[in-house]
N, C-alpha and C. Protein backbone atom coordinates (compact mmCIF):
# COMPACT_ATOMS: atom_id res chain seq x y z
N UNK A 1 50.31 5.07 -55.95
CA UNK A 1 51.00 4.26 -56.92
C UNK A 1 50.86 4.84 -58.32
N UNK A 2 49.66 5.32 -58.62
CA UNK A 2 49.45 5.92 -59.95
C UNK A 2 50.31 7.16 -60.12
N UNK A 3 50.46 7.96 -59.06
CA UNK A 3 51.27 9.16 -59.15
C UNK A 3 52.74 8.81 -59.38
N UNK A 4 53.22 7.79 -58.69
CA UNK A 4 54.61 7.36 -58.86
C UNK A 4 54.86 6.87 -60.29
N UNK A 5 53.94 6.08 -60.81
CA UNK A 5 54.11 5.58 -62.17
C UNK A 5 53.99 6.69 -63.20
N UNK A 6 53.14 7.69 -62.93
CA UNK A 6 53.04 8.80 -63.88
C UNK A 6 54.31 9.65 -63.87
N UNK A 7 55.01 9.72 -62.71
CA UNK A 7 56.29 10.42 -62.68
C UNK A 7 57.32 9.71 -63.58
N UNK A 8 57.23 8.40 -63.65
CA UNK A 8 58.13 7.64 -64.50
C UNK A 8 57.69 7.65 -65.96
N UNK A 9 56.54 8.24 -66.25
CA UNK A 9 56.04 8.29 -67.61
C UNK A 9 55.21 7.09 -68.01
N UNK A 10 54.76 6.32 -67.01
CA UNK A 10 53.95 5.14 -67.28
C UNK A 10 52.51 5.45 -66.89
N UNK A 11 51.62 5.40 -67.84
CA UNK A 11 50.21 5.66 -67.56
C UNK A 11 49.45 4.35 -67.69
N UNK A 12 48.98 3.85 -66.56
CA UNK A 12 48.26 2.58 -66.53
C UNK A 12 46.87 2.82 -65.96
N UNK A 13 45.89 2.28 -66.64
CA UNK A 13 44.53 2.30 -66.13
C UNK A 13 44.28 0.96 -65.45
N UNK A 14 44.28 0.94 -64.12
CA UNK A 14 44.22 -0.31 -63.36
C UNK A 14 42.92 -1.06 -63.57
N UNK A 15 41.88 -0.38 -64.02
CA UNK A 15 40.61 -1.04 -64.24
C UNK A 15 40.67 -2.12 -65.30
N UNK A 16 41.60 -2.00 -66.24
CA UNK A 16 41.71 -3.02 -67.28
C UNK A 16 42.46 -4.25 -66.79
N UNK A 17 43.17 -4.14 -65.67
CA UNK A 17 43.93 -5.28 -65.15
C UNK A 17 43.26 -5.93 -63.94
N UNK A 18 42.49 -5.18 -63.20
CA UNK A 18 41.88 -5.70 -61.98
C UNK A 18 40.37 -5.58 -62.10
N UNK A 19 39.69 -6.65 -62.45
CA UNK A 19 38.26 -6.54 -62.76
C UNK A 19 37.40 -6.16 -61.57
N UNK A 20 37.81 -6.51 -60.36
CA UNK A 20 36.99 -6.16 -59.22
C UNK A 20 37.49 -4.91 -58.51
N UNK A 21 38.36 -4.15 -59.12
CA UNK A 21 38.82 -2.91 -58.52
C UNK A 21 38.57 -1.71 -59.39
N UNK A 22 37.79 -1.87 -60.44
CA UNK A 22 37.58 -0.78 -61.38
C UNK A 22 36.31 -0.01 -61.05
N UNK A 23 36.21 1.15 -61.61
CA UNK A 23 35.01 1.95 -61.45
C UNK A 23 35.02 2.77 -60.17
N UNK A 24 33.84 3.12 -59.71
CA UNK A 24 33.71 4.00 -58.55
C UNK A 24 33.71 3.23 -57.24
N UNK A 25 33.91 1.92 -57.27
CA UNK A 25 33.89 1.12 -56.05
C UNK A 25 35.19 1.23 -55.26
N UNK A 26 36.27 1.61 -55.90
CA UNK A 26 37.54 1.74 -55.23
C UNK A 26 38.18 0.39 -54.96
N UNK A 27 38.87 0.29 -53.83
CA UNK A 27 39.56 -0.95 -53.49
C UNK A 27 38.74 -1.84 -52.57
N UNK A 28 37.54 -1.45 -52.23
CA UNK A 28 36.70 -2.26 -51.34
C UNK A 28 36.44 -3.66 -51.89
N UNK A 29 36.13 -3.84 -53.17
CA UNK A 29 35.94 -5.20 -53.68
C UNK A 29 37.19 -6.05 -53.57
N UNK A 30 38.36 -5.45 -53.77
CA UNK A 30 39.61 -6.19 -53.64
C UNK A 30 39.78 -6.69 -52.22
N UNK A 31 39.46 -5.88 -51.24
CA UNK A 31 39.57 -6.29 -49.84
C UNK A 31 38.57 -7.40 -49.51
N UNK A 32 37.38 -7.31 -50.07
CA UNK A 32 36.36 -8.34 -49.84
C UNK A 32 36.81 -9.66 -50.46
N UNK A 33 37.34 -9.61 -51.68
CA UNK A 33 37.81 -10.83 -52.33
C UNK A 33 38.99 -11.42 -51.58
N UNK A 34 39.89 -10.59 -51.08
CA UNK A 34 41.02 -11.10 -50.29
C UNK A 34 40.54 -11.76 -49.00
N UNK A 35 39.55 -11.16 -48.34
CA UNK A 35 38.99 -11.77 -47.13
C UNK A 35 38.31 -13.09 -47.45
N UNK A 36 37.60 -13.15 -48.57
CA UNK A 36 36.97 -14.40 -48.98
C UNK A 36 38.02 -15.46 -49.29
N UNK A 37 39.13 -15.05 -49.88
CA UNK A 37 40.21 -16.00 -50.18
C UNK A 37 40.87 -16.51 -48.89
N UNK A 38 40.99 -15.65 -47.88
CA UNK A 38 41.53 -16.10 -46.59
C UNK A 38 40.64 -17.14 -45.94
N UNK A 39 39.34 -16.90 -45.98
CA UNK A 39 38.40 -17.88 -45.43
C UNK A 39 38.45 -19.17 -46.24
N UNK A 40 38.50 -19.06 -47.54
CA UNK A 40 38.60 -20.24 -48.40
C UNK A 40 39.89 -21.01 -48.18
N UNK A 41 40.98 -20.30 -47.96
CA UNK A 41 42.26 -20.96 -47.67
C UNK A 41 42.19 -21.74 -46.37
N UNK A 42 41.54 -21.18 -45.39
CA UNK A 42 41.37 -21.88 -44.11
C UNK A 42 40.55 -23.14 -44.30
N UNK A 43 39.52 -23.07 -45.10
CA UNK A 43 38.67 -24.25 -45.35
C UNK A 43 39.45 -25.31 -46.13
N UNK A 44 40.18 -24.90 -47.17
CA UNK A 44 40.95 -25.87 -47.95
C UNK A 44 42.03 -26.51 -47.08
N UNK A 45 42.69 -25.70 -46.24
CA UNK A 45 43.74 -26.24 -45.37
C UNK A 45 43.18 -27.23 -44.35
N UNK A 46 41.91 -27.11 -43.99
CA UNK A 46 41.34 -28.07 -43.04
C UNK A 46 41.13 -29.44 -43.68
N UNK A 47 41.03 -29.50 -45.01
CA UNK A 47 40.86 -30.77 -45.71
C UNK A 47 42.18 -31.39 -46.14
N UNK A 48 43.23 -30.62 -46.17
CA UNK A 48 44.52 -31.10 -46.65
C UNK A 48 45.25 -31.78 -45.50
N UNK A 49 45.90 -32.91 -45.79
CA UNK A 49 46.57 -33.68 -44.76
C UNK A 49 47.85 -33.01 -44.26
N UNK A 50 48.54 -32.33 -45.12
CA UNK A 50 49.80 -31.68 -44.72
C UNK A 50 49.67 -30.18 -44.92
N UNK A 51 50.09 -29.44 -43.91
CA UNK A 51 50.03 -27.98 -43.96
C UNK A 51 51.43 -27.42 -43.78
N UNK A 52 51.76 -26.47 -44.58
CA UNK A 52 52.98 -25.72 -44.43
C UNK A 52 52.69 -24.30 -44.90
N UNK A 53 53.60 -23.41 -44.62
CA UNK A 53 53.40 -22.02 -45.04
C UNK A 53 53.36 -21.93 -46.57
N UNK A 54 54.19 -22.70 -47.23
CA UNK A 54 54.21 -22.68 -48.70
C UNK A 54 52.87 -23.15 -49.27
N UNK A 55 52.33 -24.25 -48.73
CA UNK A 55 51.04 -24.75 -49.22
C UNK A 55 49.92 -23.77 -48.93
N UNK A 56 49.97 -23.12 -47.79
CA UNK A 56 48.95 -22.12 -47.45
C UNK A 56 48.99 -20.96 -48.44
N UNK A 57 50.20 -20.49 -48.74
CA UNK A 57 50.34 -19.38 -49.70
C UNK A 57 49.88 -19.82 -51.09
N UNK A 58 50.23 -21.03 -51.49
CA UNK A 58 49.82 -21.51 -52.81
C UNK A 58 48.30 -21.71 -52.88
N UNK A 59 47.69 -22.15 -51.79
CA UNK A 59 46.23 -22.27 -51.77
C UNK A 59 45.58 -20.90 -51.90
N UNK A 60 46.11 -19.91 -51.20
CA UNK A 60 45.56 -18.56 -51.29
C UNK A 60 45.69 -18.02 -52.71
N UNK A 61 46.86 -18.20 -53.29
CA UNK A 61 47.09 -17.71 -54.65
C UNK A 61 46.18 -18.43 -55.64
N UNK A 62 45.99 -19.73 -55.46
CA UNK A 62 45.09 -20.47 -56.34
C UNK A 62 43.66 -19.99 -56.24
N UNK A 63 43.20 -19.75 -55.02
CA UNK A 63 41.83 -19.25 -54.85
C UNK A 63 41.68 -17.84 -55.40
N UNK A 64 42.70 -17.01 -55.19
CA UNK A 64 42.65 -15.65 -55.72
C UNK A 64 42.64 -15.67 -57.24
N UNK A 65 43.42 -16.56 -57.84
CA UNK A 65 43.43 -16.67 -59.30
C UNK A 65 42.07 -17.13 -59.81
N UNK A 66 41.44 -18.05 -59.10
CA UNK A 66 40.09 -18.48 -59.50
C UNK A 66 39.09 -17.34 -59.43
N UNK A 67 39.18 -16.55 -58.36
CA UNK A 67 38.28 -15.40 -58.23
C UNK A 67 38.55 -14.36 -59.32
N UNK A 68 39.82 -14.17 -59.64
CA UNK A 68 40.20 -13.19 -60.66
C UNK A 68 39.67 -13.59 -62.04
N UNK A 69 39.89 -14.86 -62.40
CA UNK A 69 39.44 -15.34 -63.71
C UNK A 69 37.92 -15.32 -63.81
N UNK A 70 37.24 -15.71 -62.73
CA UNK A 70 35.78 -15.69 -62.75
C UNK A 70 35.25 -14.27 -62.90
N UNK A 71 35.90 -13.31 -62.27
CA UNK A 71 35.46 -11.92 -62.41
C UNK A 71 35.76 -11.36 -63.79
N UNK A 72 36.81 -11.85 -64.43
CA UNK A 72 37.07 -11.43 -65.81
C UNK A 72 35.95 -11.93 -66.71
N UNK A 73 35.54 -13.21 -66.52
CA UNK A 73 34.45 -13.74 -67.33
C UNK A 73 33.12 -13.07 -67.00
N UNK A 74 32.88 -12.75 -65.74
CA UNK A 74 31.61 -12.17 -65.32
C UNK A 74 31.53 -10.67 -65.57
N UNK A 75 32.62 -10.08 -65.98
CA UNK A 75 32.65 -8.63 -66.18
C UNK A 75 31.68 -8.19 -67.27
N UNK A 76 31.50 -9.02 -68.27
CA UNK A 76 30.63 -8.64 -69.38
C UNK A 76 29.16 -8.92 -69.09
N UNK A 77 28.86 -9.67 -68.04
CA UNK A 77 27.47 -9.99 -67.69
C UNK A 77 26.98 -9.08 -66.58
N UNK A 78 25.72 -8.77 -66.64
CA UNK A 78 25.10 -8.03 -65.55
C UNK A 78 23.70 -8.59 -65.34
N UNK A 79 23.48 -9.11 -64.17
CA UNK A 79 22.18 -9.67 -63.83
C UNK A 79 21.33 -8.54 -63.26
N UNK A 80 20.15 -8.29 -63.83
CA UNK A 80 19.31 -7.20 -63.32
C UNK A 80 18.92 -7.42 -61.87
N UNK A 81 18.98 -6.36 -61.10
CA UNK A 81 18.58 -6.41 -59.71
C UNK A 81 19.70 -6.77 -58.75
N UNK A 82 20.90 -7.05 -59.28
CA UNK A 82 22.03 -7.39 -58.42
C UNK A 82 23.04 -6.24 -58.47
N UNK A 83 23.43 -5.80 -57.31
CA UNK A 83 24.43 -4.74 -57.18
C UNK A 83 25.77 -5.24 -57.71
N UNK A 84 26.60 -4.32 -58.17
CA UNK A 84 27.89 -4.73 -58.73
C UNK A 84 28.80 -5.35 -57.69
N UNK A 85 28.70 -4.90 -56.43
CA UNK A 85 29.51 -5.49 -55.36
C UNK A 85 29.09 -6.94 -55.11
N UNK A 86 27.79 -7.20 -55.16
CA UNK A 86 27.28 -8.57 -54.97
C UNK A 86 27.70 -9.43 -56.15
N UNK A 87 27.67 -8.89 -57.34
CA UNK A 87 28.08 -9.64 -58.53
C UNK A 87 29.55 -10.03 -58.44
N UNK A 88 30.38 -9.14 -57.93
CA UNK A 88 31.80 -9.44 -57.74
C UNK A 88 31.97 -10.58 -56.74
N UNK A 89 31.22 -10.54 -55.64
CA UNK A 89 31.32 -11.59 -54.63
C UNK A 89 30.80 -12.93 -55.14
N UNK A 90 29.71 -12.91 -55.90
CA UNK A 90 29.16 -14.16 -56.44
C UNK A 90 30.13 -14.77 -57.45
N UNK A 91 30.66 -13.95 -58.34
CA UNK A 91 31.62 -14.46 -59.32
C UNK A 91 32.88 -14.98 -58.64
N UNK A 92 33.33 -14.28 -57.60
CA UNK A 92 34.51 -14.73 -56.86
C UNK A 92 34.25 -16.07 -56.18
N UNK A 93 33.06 -16.24 -55.61
CA UNK A 93 32.72 -17.52 -54.98
C UNK A 93 32.70 -18.65 -55.99
N UNK A 94 32.15 -18.42 -57.16
CA UNK A 94 32.11 -19.46 -58.19
C UNK A 94 33.53 -19.83 -58.62
N UNK A 95 34.35 -18.83 -58.86
CA UNK A 95 35.72 -19.08 -59.27
C UNK A 95 36.53 -19.77 -58.19
N UNK A 96 36.30 -19.39 -56.93
CA UNK A 96 37.04 -20.02 -55.84
C UNK A 96 36.58 -21.46 -55.62
N UNK A 97 35.32 -21.76 -55.86
CA UNK A 97 34.85 -23.15 -55.74
C UNK A 97 35.53 -24.05 -56.77
N UNK A 98 35.62 -23.55 -58.00
CA UNK A 98 36.29 -24.33 -59.05
C UNK A 98 37.78 -24.50 -58.70
N UNK A 99 38.41 -23.42 -58.25
CA UNK A 99 39.83 -23.49 -57.90
C UNK A 99 40.06 -24.40 -56.70
N UNK A 100 39.15 -24.38 -55.73
CA UNK A 100 39.29 -25.23 -54.55
C UNK A 100 39.19 -26.70 -54.92
N UNK A 101 38.29 -27.04 -55.82
CA UNK A 101 38.19 -28.43 -56.27
C UNK A 101 39.47 -28.86 -56.97
N UNK A 102 40.01 -28.00 -57.79
CA UNK A 102 41.26 -28.33 -58.46
C UNK A 102 42.41 -28.47 -57.47
N UNK A 103 42.45 -27.60 -56.45
CA UNK A 103 43.48 -27.70 -55.42
C UNK A 103 43.35 -28.98 -54.61
N UNK A 104 42.12 -29.36 -54.28
CA UNK A 104 41.93 -30.59 -53.51
C UNK A 104 42.32 -31.81 -54.32
N UNK A 105 42.03 -31.82 -55.61
CA UNK A 105 42.45 -32.94 -56.47
C UNK A 105 43.98 -32.98 -56.54
N UNK A 106 44.60 -31.83 -56.65
CA UNK A 106 46.07 -31.77 -56.70
C UNK A 106 46.67 -32.29 -55.40
N UNK A 107 46.14 -31.84 -54.27
CA UNK A 107 46.67 -32.28 -52.97
C UNK A 107 46.45 -33.77 -52.75
N UNK A 108 45.34 -34.30 -53.24
CA UNK A 108 45.07 -35.73 -53.08
C UNK A 108 46.09 -36.55 -53.88
N UNK A 109 46.39 -36.10 -55.07
CA UNK A 109 47.35 -36.84 -55.90
C UNK A 109 48.77 -36.68 -55.38
N UNK A 110 49.10 -35.51 -54.82
CA UNK A 110 50.46 -35.32 -54.32
C UNK A 110 50.69 -36.02 -52.99
N UNK A 111 49.61 -36.35 -52.26
CA UNK A 111 49.76 -37.03 -50.99
C UNK A 111 49.97 -38.53 -51.18
N UNK A 112 49.58 -39.07 -52.32
CA UNK A 112 49.73 -40.51 -52.57
C UNK A 112 51.15 -40.91 -52.86
C-alpha cells in the first residue's frame, strides 16, 4: 500500500494514524486488536435482544473505535516492566470496556 501511494506522490507515515501498528511490531498488534474486537462483539451480541448484521458490524466498529482511542491516549504512557504488545492489549481492553458499556446503554434505550 505504501508503494502504491508513493507512486501517486503521497507519502504517509502510518504510525501517526494507527497507534497500535507503528514501530517495529508490524501489523501483529492490529490483528490482535481485531481478534479482541471480534470476541467483544460476540459478548456484546449475547446481551443484546435483537441481532442483525448491521448491529453486529456497528458493535464491532464501536469496540474498535474504543480500542483505537484508548491506544491514542495510552501512547504517551509507558509502564515499566510491561512489553509494548501487552500495553496495546491492556489499553485496547480498557477502551473496549468503555465502548461496550456505551453500546449496551444505547441498545437498552433503542429497545424500549
